[in-house]
Amino acid sequence: MQHTSTLPTAAIAASFHALSEPLRLKVLDLLRTQELCVCDLCDSLEVNQSKLSFHLKVLKEAELVRSRQEGRWIYYSLNLPQFVVIEQYLAEYRRFSPIIPAQICQK
């Protein structure tokens, strides 16, 4: 049985691209429990704001984070629905791919 994903491939590709950079993973880890402003992220990660802004832009374009402005500051938080999309995409591999015994894979 052949199955084609109904999930948006461009969004999935953008998400995996965003997740491929260690600094962006650190940002996501910091946002896991709370919303943070750019200044707090810069301090925690010990990076300058211009470098962090580039990485936040990638995360935002991949819809992994959300931002909101309050006065002069921009606050970032996780966009959890996009993580669900990624989980669903990966779950389709588990669900629709045949399981290959380990000894066959090693040949």
C-alpha atoms as a PDB file:
ATOM      1  CA  MET A   1       0.000   0.000   0.000  1.00  0.00           C
ATOM      2  CA  GLN A   2       1.401   3.370  -0.993  1.00  0.00           C
ATOM      3  CA  HIS A   3       0.627   6.407   1.122  1.00  0.00           C
ATOM      4  CA  THR A   4       1.246  10.048   0.283  1.00  0.00           C
ATOM      5  CA  SER A   5       1.515  12.586   3.056  1.00  0.00           C
ATOM      6  CA  THR A   6      -1.178  15.242   3.163  1.00  0.00           C
ATOM      7  CA  LEU A   7       1.019  17.524   5.254  1.00  0.00           C
ATOM      8  CA  PRO A   8       2.526  20.610   3.577  1.00  0.00           C
ATOM      9  CA  THR A   9       6.007  19.594   2.418  1.00  0.00           C
ATOM     10  CA  ALA A  10       7.369  23.162   2.255  1.00  0.00           C
ATOM     11  CA  ALA A  11       6.459  23.727   5.906  1.00  0.00           C
ATOM     12  CA  ILE A  12       8.011  20.401   6.909  1.00  0.00           C
ATOM     13  CA  ALA A  13      11.218  21.185   4.988  1.00  0.00           C
ATOM     14  CA  ALA A  14      11.427  24.642   6.591  1.00  0.00           C
ATOM     15  CA  SER A  15      10.967  23.090  10.021  1.00  0.00           C
ATOM     16  CA  PHE A  16      13.722  20.523   9.506  1.00  0.00           C
ATOM     17  CA  HIS A  17      16.031  23.227   8.140  1.00  0.00           C
ATOM     18  CA  ALA A  18      15.348  25.367  11.204  1.00  0.00           C
ATOM     19  CA  LEU A  19      15.991  22.394  13.504  1.00  0.00           C
ATOM     20  CA  SER A  20      19.341  21.628  11.838  1.00  0.00           C
ATOM     21  CA  GLU A  21      21.266  24.408  13.605  1.00  0.00           C
ATOM     22  CA  PRO A  22      22.473  23.887  17.197  1.00  0.00           C
ATOM     23  CA  LEU A  23      21.933  27.523  18.220  1.00  0.00           C
ATOM     24  CA  ARG A  24      18.320  27.380  17.070  1.00  0.00           C
ATOM     25  CA  LEU A  25      17.820  24.194  19.090  1.00  0.00           C
ATOM     26  CA  LYS A  26      19.155  26.026  22.145  1.00  0.00           C
ATOM     27  CA  VAL A  27      16.673  28.840  21.521  1.00  0.00           C
ATOM     28  CA  LEU A  28      13.828  26.319  21.375  1.00  0.00           C
ATOM     29  CA  ASP A  29      15.036  24.695  24.592  1.00  0.00           C
ATOM     30  CA  LEU A  30      14.984  28.067  26.366  1.00  0.00           C
ATOM     31  CA  LEU A  31      11.477  28.767  25.081  1.00  0.00           C
ATOM     32  CA  ARG A  32      10.220  25.360  26.150  1.00  0.00           C
ATOM     33  CA  THR A  33       8.964  26.604  29.513  1.00  0.00           C
ATOM     34  CA  GLN A  34       8.420  30.332  29.044  1.00  0.00           C
ATOM     35  CA  GLU A  35       8.163  33.265  26.703  1.00  0.00           C
ATOM     36  CA  LEU A  36      11.380  35.303  26.542  1.00  0.00           C
ATOM     37  CA  CYS A  37      12.421  38.643  25.109  1.00  0.00           C
ATOM     38  CA  VAL A  38      15.337  38.965  22.712  1.00  0.00           C
ATOM     39  CA  CYS A  39      17.529  40.514  25.413  1.00  0.00           C
ATOM     40  CA  ASP A  40      17.018  37.504  27.703  1.00  0.00           C
ATOM     41  CA  LEU A  41      17.781  35.093  24.867  1.00  0.00           C
ATOM     42  CA  CYS A  42      20.960  37.023  23.970  1.00  0.00           C
ATOM     43  CA  ASP A  43      22.119  36.931  27.594  1.00  0.00           C
ATOM     44  CA  SER A  44      21.370  33.234  28.062  1.00  0.00           C
ATOM     45  CA  LEU A  45      22.997  32.200  24.787  1.00  0.00           C
ATOM     46  CA  GLU A  46      25.871  34.708  24.982  1.00  0.00           C
ATOM     47  CA  VAL A  47      25.353  35.862  21.379  1.00  0.00           C
ATOM     48  CA  ASN A  48      24.867  39.319  19.942  1.00  0.00           C
ATOM     49  CA  GLN A  49      21.441  40.493  18.881  1.00  0.00           C
ATOM     50  CA  SER A  50      22.182  40.584  15.136  1.00  0.00           C
ATOM     51  CA  LYS A  51      23.263  36.922  15.098  1.00  0.00           C
ATOM     52  CA  LEU A  52      20.289  35.880  17.190  1.00  0.00           C
ATOM     53  CA  SER A  53      17.880  37.892  15.045  1.00  0.00           C
ATOM     54  CA  PHE A  54      18.927  35.904  11.982  1.00  0.00           C
ATOM     55  CA  HIS A  55      18.244  32.604  13.757  1.00  0.00           C
ATOM     56  CA  LEU A  56      14.945  33.827  15.189  1.00  0.00           C
ATOM     57  CA  LYS A  57      13.887  34.838  11.680  1.00  0.00           C
ATOM     58  CA  VAL A  58      14.557  31.286  10.442  1.00  0.00           C
ATOM     59  CA  LEU A  59      12.574  29.820  13.352  1.00  0.00           C
ATOM     60  CA  LYS A  60       9.742  32.253  12.735  1.00  0.00           C
ATOM     61  CA  GLU A  61       9.632  31.532   8.976  1.00  0.00           C
ATOM     62  CA  ALA A  62       9.439  27.831   9.838  1.00  0.00           C
ATOM     63  CA  GLU A  63       6.545  28.713  12.165  1.00  0.00           C
ATOM     64  CA  LEU A  64       8.315  27.096  15.115  1.00  0.00           C
ATOM     65  CA  VAL A  65       8.184  30.298  17.167  1.00  0.00           C
ATOM     66  CA  ARG A  66       5.775  33.186  17.521  1.00  0.00           C
ATOM     67  CA  SER A  67       6.623  36.746  18.385  1.00  0.00           C
ATOM     68  CA  ARG A  68       4.785  39.639  19.913  1.00  0.00           C
ATOM     69  CA  GLN A  69       5.900  43.182  20.518  1.00  0.00           C
ATOM     70  CA  GLU A  70       5.431  44.921  23.832  1.00  0.00           C
ATOM     71  CA  GLY A  71       6.823  48.440  23.803  1.00  0.00           C
ATOM     72  CA  ARG A  72      10.395  48.272  22.520  1.00  0.00           C
ATOM     73  CA  TRP A  73      10.806  44.575  23.196  1.00  0.00           C
ATOM     74  CA  ILE A  74       9.904  41.551  21.108  1.00  0.00           C
ATOM     75  CA  TYR A  75       8.936  38.429  23.018  1.00  0.00           C
ATOM     76  CA  TYR A  76       9.218  34.922  21.569  1.00  0.00           C
ATOM     77  CA  SER A  77       7.378  31.718  22.436  1.00  0.00           C
ATOM     78  CA  LEU A  78       7.003  28.266  20.915  1.00  0.00           C
ATOM     79  CA  ASN A  79       4.342  27.723  18.273  1.00  0.00           C
ATOM     80  CA  LEU A  80       3.271  24.303  19.510  1.00  0.00           C
ATOM     81  CA  PRO A  81       0.833  23.517  16.663  1.00  0.00           C
ATOM     82  CA  GLN A  82       3.781  23.442  14.235  1.00  0.00           C
ATOM     83  CA  PHE A  83       5.531  20.875  16.434  1.00  0.00           C
ATOM     84  CA  VAL A  84       2.385  18.749  16.165  1.00  0.00           C
ATOM     85  CA  VAL A  85       2.632  18.980  12.356  1.00  0.00           C
ATOM     86  CA  ILE A  86       6.229  17.706  12.516  1.00  0.00           C
ATOM     87  CA  GLU A  87       5.211  14.895  14.870  1.00  0.00           C
ATOM     88  CA  GLN A  88       2.405  13.857  12.517  1.00  0.00           C
ATOM     89  CA  TYR A  89       4.791  13.836   9.577  1.00  0.00           C
ATOM     90  CA  LEU A  90       7.259  11.589  11.393  1.00  0.00           C
ATOM     91  CA  ALA A  91       4.476   9.361  12.710  1.00  0.00           C
ATOM     92  CA  GLU A  92       3.470   8.571   9.136  1.00  0.00           C
ATOM     93  CA  TYR A  93       6.844   6.896   8.610  1.00  0.00           C
ATOM     94  CA  ARG A  94       6.231   4.698  11.619  1.00  0.00           C
ATOM     95  CA  ARG A  95       2.702   3.930  10.575  1.00  0.00           C
ATOM     96  CA  PHE A  96       3.049   3.330   6.847  1.00  0.00           C
ATOM     97  CA  SER A  97       6.593   2.047   6.377  1.00  0.00           C
ATOM     98  CA  PRO A  98       7.361  -1.648   6.634  1.00  0.00           C
ATOM     99  CA  ILE A  99       9.526  -2.575   9.576  1.00  0.00           C
ATOM    100  CA  ILE A 100      12.835  -3.988   8.404  1.00  0.00           C
ATOM    101  CA  PRO A 101      14.636  -6.387  10.776  1.00  0.00           C
ATOM    102  CA  ALA A 102      17.934  -5.018  12.081  1.00  0.00           C
ATOM    103  CA  GLN A 103      20.047  -7.827  10.555  1.00  0.00           C
ATOM    104  CA  ILE A 104      18.810  -6.960   7.028  1.00  0.00           C
ATOM    105  CA  CYS A 105      19.740  -3.293   7.477  1.00  0.00           C
ATOM    106  CA  GLN A 106      23.314  -4.167   8.433  1.00  0.00           C
ATOM    107  CA  LYS A 107      24.084  -6.037   5.194  1.00  0.00           C
END
